[in-house]
Amino acid sequence: MAEAERQVAHERAIVRWLAANPPPVADPNTCAHCRQPETRDAALLPFLAGDDTHRWVHGRCWSDWHRTRRLAAERALAAARDDTGPRSAA
């Protein structure tokens, strides 16, 4: 498999993991990342979760929230690869 194909497969696996493992439902009056309420200077915005609902996240928190979720996906996928062991070239 070419490097580009591996990267596409990896991204698809991450997207599937994120969809299959939505973040916990949080209080809709607080940010799902920092747990702070909405303020005049920090509006809560809805972002889609994998369970066809959304989570409320401050706009300024979104990149950290998304990065944290993506890291969780990458760790879970790496652990799953480790659990399955080396693949044979049969």
C-alpha atoms as a PDB file:
ATOM      1  CA  MET A   1       0.000   0.000   0.000  1.00  0.00           C
ATOM      2  CA  ALA A   2       1.393   3.404  -0.940  1.00  0.00           C
ATOM      3  CA  GLU A   3       2.013   5.995   1.768  1.00  0.00           C
ATOM      4  CA  ALA A   4      -0.897   8.159   0.577  1.00  0.00           C
ATOM      5  CA  GLU A   5      -3.250   5.185   0.774  1.00  0.00           C
ATOM      6  CA  ARG A   6      -2.024   4.377   4.289  1.00  0.00           C
ATOM      7  CA  GLN A   7      -2.649   7.972   5.363  1.00  0.00           C
ATOM      8  CA  VAL A   8      -6.177   7.942   3.915  1.00  0.00           C
ATOM      9  CA  ALA A   9      -6.894   4.613   5.647  1.00  0.00           C
ATOM     10  CA  HIS A  10      -5.544   6.020   8.927  1.00  0.00           C
ATOM     11  CA  GLU A  11      -7.713   9.144   8.678  1.00  0.00           C
ATOM     12  CA  ARG A  12     -10.768   7.025   7.906  1.00  0.00           C
ATOM     13  CA  ALA A  13     -10.047   4.859  10.937  1.00  0.00           C
ATOM     14  CA  ILE A  14      -9.821   7.962  13.124  1.00  0.00           C
ATOM     15  CA  VAL A  15     -13.107   9.325  11.773  1.00  0.00           C
ATOM     16  CA  ARG A  16     -14.798   5.948  12.369  1.00  0.00           C
ATOM     17  CA  TRP A  17     -13.423   5.792  15.927  1.00  0.00           C
ATOM     18  CA  LEU A  18     -14.590   9.333  16.684  1.00  0.00           C
ATOM     19  CA  ALA A  19     -18.063   8.502  15.365  1.00  0.00           C
ATOM     20  CA  ALA A  20     -18.227   5.248  17.323  1.00  0.00           C
ATOM     21  CA  ASN A  21     -16.911   6.831  20.546  1.00  0.00           C
ATOM     22  CA  PRO A  22     -18.692  10.126  21.098  1.00  0.00           C
ATOM     23  CA  PRO A  23     -17.575  12.257  24.014  1.00  0.00           C
ATOM     24  CA  PRO A  24     -19.579  11.967  27.213  1.00  0.00           C
ATOM     25  CA  VAL A  25     -22.693  14.073  27.366  1.00  0.00           C
ATOM     26  CA  ALA A  26     -21.874  17.214  29.292  1.00  0.00           C
ATOM     27  CA  ASP A  27     -24.043  19.861  30.879  1.00  0.00           C
ATOM     28  CA  PRO A  28     -25.312  21.915  27.917  1.00  0.00           C
ATOM     29  CA  ASN A  29     -24.700  25.052  29.954  1.00  0.00           C
ATOM     30  CA  THR A  30     -20.957  24.393  30.148  1.00  0.00           C
ATOM     31  CA  CYS A  31     -18.156  23.755  27.685  1.00  0.00           C
ATOM     32  CA  ALA A  32     -17.492  20.053  27.047  1.00  0.00           C
ATOM     33  CA  HIS A  33     -13.764  20.803  27.146  1.00  0.00           C
ATOM     34  CA  CYS A  34     -13.105  23.298  29.956  1.00  0.00           C
ATOM     35  CA  ARG A  35     -16.404  22.805  31.847  1.00  0.00           C
ATOM     36  CA  GLN A  36     -16.847  26.572  32.182  1.00  0.00           C
ATOM     37  CA  PRO A  37     -20.153  28.299  31.383  1.00  0.00           C
ATOM     38  CA  GLU A  38     -20.853  30.532  28.468  1.00  0.00           C
ATOM     39  CA  THR A  39     -19.976  34.177  28.972  1.00  0.00           C
ATOM     40  CA  ARG A  40     -20.451  37.302  26.923  1.00  0.00           C
ATOM     41  CA  ASP A  41     -16.883  36.899  25.645  1.00  0.00           C
ATOM     42  CA  ALA A  42     -16.963  33.108  25.231  1.00  0.00           C
ATOM     43  CA  ALA A  43     -20.053  31.765  23.519  1.00  0.00           C
ATOM     44  CA  LEU A  44     -20.828  28.060  23.587  1.00  0.00           C
ATOM     45  CA  LEU A  45     -21.138  26.609  20.092  1.00  0.00           C
ATOM     46  CA  PRO A  46     -22.657  23.257  19.099  1.00  0.00           C
ATOM     47  CA  PHE A  47     -20.265  20.725  17.529  1.00  0.00           C
ATOM     48  CA  LEU A  48     -21.455  17.402  16.163  1.00  0.00           C
ATOM     49  CA  ALA A  49     -20.622  14.303  18.154  1.00  0.00           C
ATOM     50  CA  GLY A  50     -20.561  10.772  16.806  1.00  0.00           C
ATOM     51  CA  ASP A  51     -23.951   9.865  18.242  1.00  0.00           C
ATOM     52  CA  ASP A  52     -25.921  12.257  15.984  1.00  0.00           C
ATOM     53  CA  THR A  53     -26.078  14.828  18.766  1.00  0.00           C
ATOM     54  CA  HIS A  54     -23.801  17.691  19.604  1.00  0.00           C
ATOM     55  CA  ARG A  55     -21.617  18.936  22.424  1.00  0.00           C
ATOM     56  CA  TRP A  56     -21.345  22.554  23.466  1.00  0.00           C
ATOM     57  CA  VAL A  57     -17.812  23.906  23.258  1.00  0.00           C
ATOM     58  CA  HIS A  58     -16.392  27.424  23.450  1.00  0.00           C
ATOM     59  CA  GLY A  59     -15.035  28.512  20.102  1.00  0.00           C
ATOM     60  CA  ARG A  60     -11.672  29.141  21.738  1.00  0.00           C
ATOM     61  CA  CYS A  61     -11.668  25.600  23.217  1.00  0.00           C
ATOM     62  CA  TRP A  62     -12.584  23.741  20.050  1.00  0.00           C
ATOM     63  CA  SER A  63      -9.066  23.100  18.730  1.00  0.00           C
ATOM     64  CA  ASP A  64      -7.886  21.718  22.086  1.00  0.00           C
ATOM     65  CA  TRP A  65     -11.077  19.669  22.476  1.00  0.00           C
ATOM     66  CA  HIS A  66     -10.727  18.235  18.979  1.00  0.00           C
ATOM     67  CA  ARG A  67      -7.001  17.568  19.429  1.00  0.00           C
ATOM     68  CA  THR A  68      -7.732  15.715  22.690  1.00  0.00           C
ATOM     69  CA  ARG A  69     -10.396  13.600  20.970  1.00  0.00           C
ATOM     70  CA  ARG A  70      -8.110  12.856  18.039  1.00  0.00           C
ATOM     71  CA  LEU A  71      -5.273  11.808  20.378  1.00  0.00           C
ATOM     72  CA  ALA A  72      -7.682   9.454  22.159  1.00  0.00           C
ATOM     73  CA  ALA A  73      -8.593   7.938  18.790  1.00  0.00           C
ATOM     74  CA  GLU A  74      -4.954   7.514  17.811  1.00  0.00           C
ATOM     75  CA  ARG A  75      -4.112   5.878  21.149  1.00  0.00           C
ATOM     76  CA  ALA A  76      -7.074   3.517  20.905  1.00  0.00           C
ATOM     77  CA  LEU A  77      -6.177   2.536  17.345  1.00  0.00           C
ATOM     78  CA  ALA A  78      -2.535   1.979  18.316  1.00  0.00           C
ATOM     79  CA  ALA A  79      -3.610  -0.179  21.275  1.00  0.00           C
ATOM     80  CA  ALA A  80      -5.886  -2.200  18.992  1.00  0.00           C
ATOM     81  CA  ARG A  81      -2.988  -2.757  16.585  1.00  0.00           C
ATOM     82  CA  ASP A  82      -0.781  -3.831  19.481  1.00  0.00           C
ATOM     83  CA  ASP A  83      -3.458  -6.245  20.719  1.00  0.00           C
ATOM     84  CA  THR A  84      -3.774  -7.929  17.357  1.00  0.00           C
ATOM     85  CA  GLY A  85      -0.044  -8.442  17.031  1.00  0.00           C
ATOM     86  CA  PRO A  86       1.930  -8.493  13.820  1.00  0.00           C
ATOM     87  CA  ARG A  87       0.007  -9.227  10.669  1.00  0.00           C
ATOM     88  CA  SER A  88       1.137 -12.046   8.486  1.00  0.00           C
ATOM     89  CA  ALA A  89       1.773 -11.505   4.794  1.00  0.00           C
ATOM     90  CA  ALA A  90      -0.351 -14.480   3.745  1.00  0.00           C
END
